[in-house]
Amino acid sequence: MKRVLIVCGTGVATSTVVADKVRKHLAAVGIEAKIEQTKVTELHRGAKGYDLVVATTQVPASVDAPVVKGLSFLTGMGVEETLAEIEQKLSD
């Protein structure tokens, strides 16, 4: 099972929307994943143990997991491309 961390400014509203979309997409393509949410200030220790971070904000350089920029989930532009990138990174 893959572990995915969704990161936004406060770890509440935006990350909840993104987590829901990512969860549904991964289930639809048959990738088992545990989706967790956090705020960006919690990343000062990195993201050990996660297979992927999806962030709607800038993340610290200390994050040691692959990061996908999730701003498209907020703008509505490029969502399919972002979901494809998430799927690809979790399939590697």
Protein backbone atom coordinates (compact mmCIF):
# COMPACT_ATOMS: atom_id res chain seq x y z
CA MET A 1 0.00 0.00 0.00
CA LYS A 2 1.31 3.44 -0.96
CA ARG A 3 1.36 6.37 1.45
CA VAL A 4 0.44 9.79 0.07
CA LEU A 5 0.64 13.04 2.01
CA ILE A 6 -1.53 15.95 0.89
CA VAL A 7 -0.13 19.32 1.97
CA CYS A 8 -1.72 22.77 2.01
CA GLY A 9 -1.31 25.96 4.01
CA THR A 10 -3.52 24.97 6.95
CA GLY A 11 -4.03 21.22 6.48
CA VAL A 12 -7.81 21.53 6.49
CA ALA A 13 -10.00 22.81 3.65
CA THR A 14 -7.80 22.71 0.57
CA SER A 15 -6.08 19.47 1.46
CA THR A 16 -9.47 17.84 2.09
CA VAL A 17 -10.64 18.69 -1.44
CA VAL A 18 -7.37 17.46 -2.97
CA ALA A 19 -7.32 14.30 -0.83
CA ASP A 20 -10.83 13.39 -1.96
CA LYS A 21 -9.95 13.78 -5.65
CA VAL A 22 -6.68 11.86 -5.33
CA ARG A 23 -8.33 9.08 -3.30
CA LYS A 24 -11.09 8.62 -5.90
CA HIS A 25 -8.67 8.62 -8.81
CA LEU A 26 -6.29 6.12 -7.27
CA ALA A 27 -9.17 3.80 -6.39
CA ALA A 28 -10.44 4.04 -9.97
CA VAL A 29 -7.06 3.00 -11.39
CA GLY A 30 -6.49 0.26 -8.83
CA ILE A 31 -3.72 1.82 -6.74
CA GLU A 32 -4.12 1.13 -3.03
CA ALA A 33 -3.07 4.18 -1.03
CA LYS A 34 -3.39 5.60 2.43
CA ILE A 35 -4.03 9.33 2.05
CA GLU A 36 -3.11 11.67 4.89
CA GLN A 37 -3.30 15.45 5.20
CA THR A 38 -1.12 18.03 6.91
CA LYS A 39 -0.21 21.70 6.89
CA VAL A 40 3.03 22.84 5.32
CA THR A 41 4.53 23.96 8.65
CA GLU A 42 4.50 20.31 9.79
CA LEU A 43 6.97 19.39 7.03
CA HIS A 44 10.00 20.87 8.77
CA ARG A 45 11.02 17.28 9.63
CA GLY A 46 10.57 16.07 6.07
CA ALA A 47 8.11 13.43 4.88
CA LYS A 48 9.78 10.17 5.86
CA GLY A 49 7.74 7.08 5.12
CA TYR A 50 5.66 8.66 2.37
CA ASP A 51 5.79 7.51 -1.23
CA LEU A 52 4.52 10.85 -2.53
CA VAL A 53 3.65 14.37 -1.41
CA VAL A 54 0.96 16.34 -3.26
CA ALA A 55 1.24 20.01 -2.33
CA THR A 56 -0.84 23.07 -3.13
CA THR A 57 1.87 25.28 -1.66
CA GLN A 58 5.67 25.48 -1.66
CA VAL A 59 7.27 22.71 0.41
CA PRO A 60 10.60 22.88 2.27
CA ALA A 61 13.70 21.48 0.61
CA SER A 62 13.98 19.03 3.52
CA VAL A 63 11.10 16.96 2.12
CA ASP A 64 12.69 13.71 1.01
CA ALA A 65 9.73 12.22 -0.88
CA PRO A 66 8.78 12.98 -4.49
CA VAL A 67 6.54 16.06 -4.70
CA VAL A 68 3.74 16.73 -7.18
CA LYS A 69 2.45 20.28 -7.44
CA GLY A 70 -1.30 20.15 -6.82
CA LEU A 71 -2.27 23.72 -7.66
CA SER A 72 -4.31 22.43 -10.61
CA PHE A 73 -6.85 21.04 -8.13
CA LEU A 74 -7.57 24.62 -7.06
CA THR A 75 -7.58 26.24 -10.50
CA GLY A 76 -9.35 23.41 -12.29
CA MET A 77 -6.81 23.64 -15.12
CA GLY A 78 -4.54 20.65 -15.73
CA VAL A 79 -6.19 18.32 -13.21
CA GLU A 80 -6.02 15.28 -15.51
CA GLU A 81 -2.31 15.85 -16.12
CA THR A 82 -1.66 16.16 -12.38
CA LEU A 83 -3.60 12.96 -11.67
CA ALA A 84 -1.60 11.19 -14.39
CA GLU A 85 1.65 12.41 -12.80
CA ILE A 86 0.53 11.15 -9.38
CA GLU A 87 -0.40 7.78 -10.87
CA GLN A 88 2.94 7.54 -12.70
CA LYS A 89 5.02 8.39 -9.62
CA LEU A 90 3.17 5.82 -7.50
CA SER A 91 3.57 3.15 -10.19
CA ASP A 92 7.37 3.51 -10.45
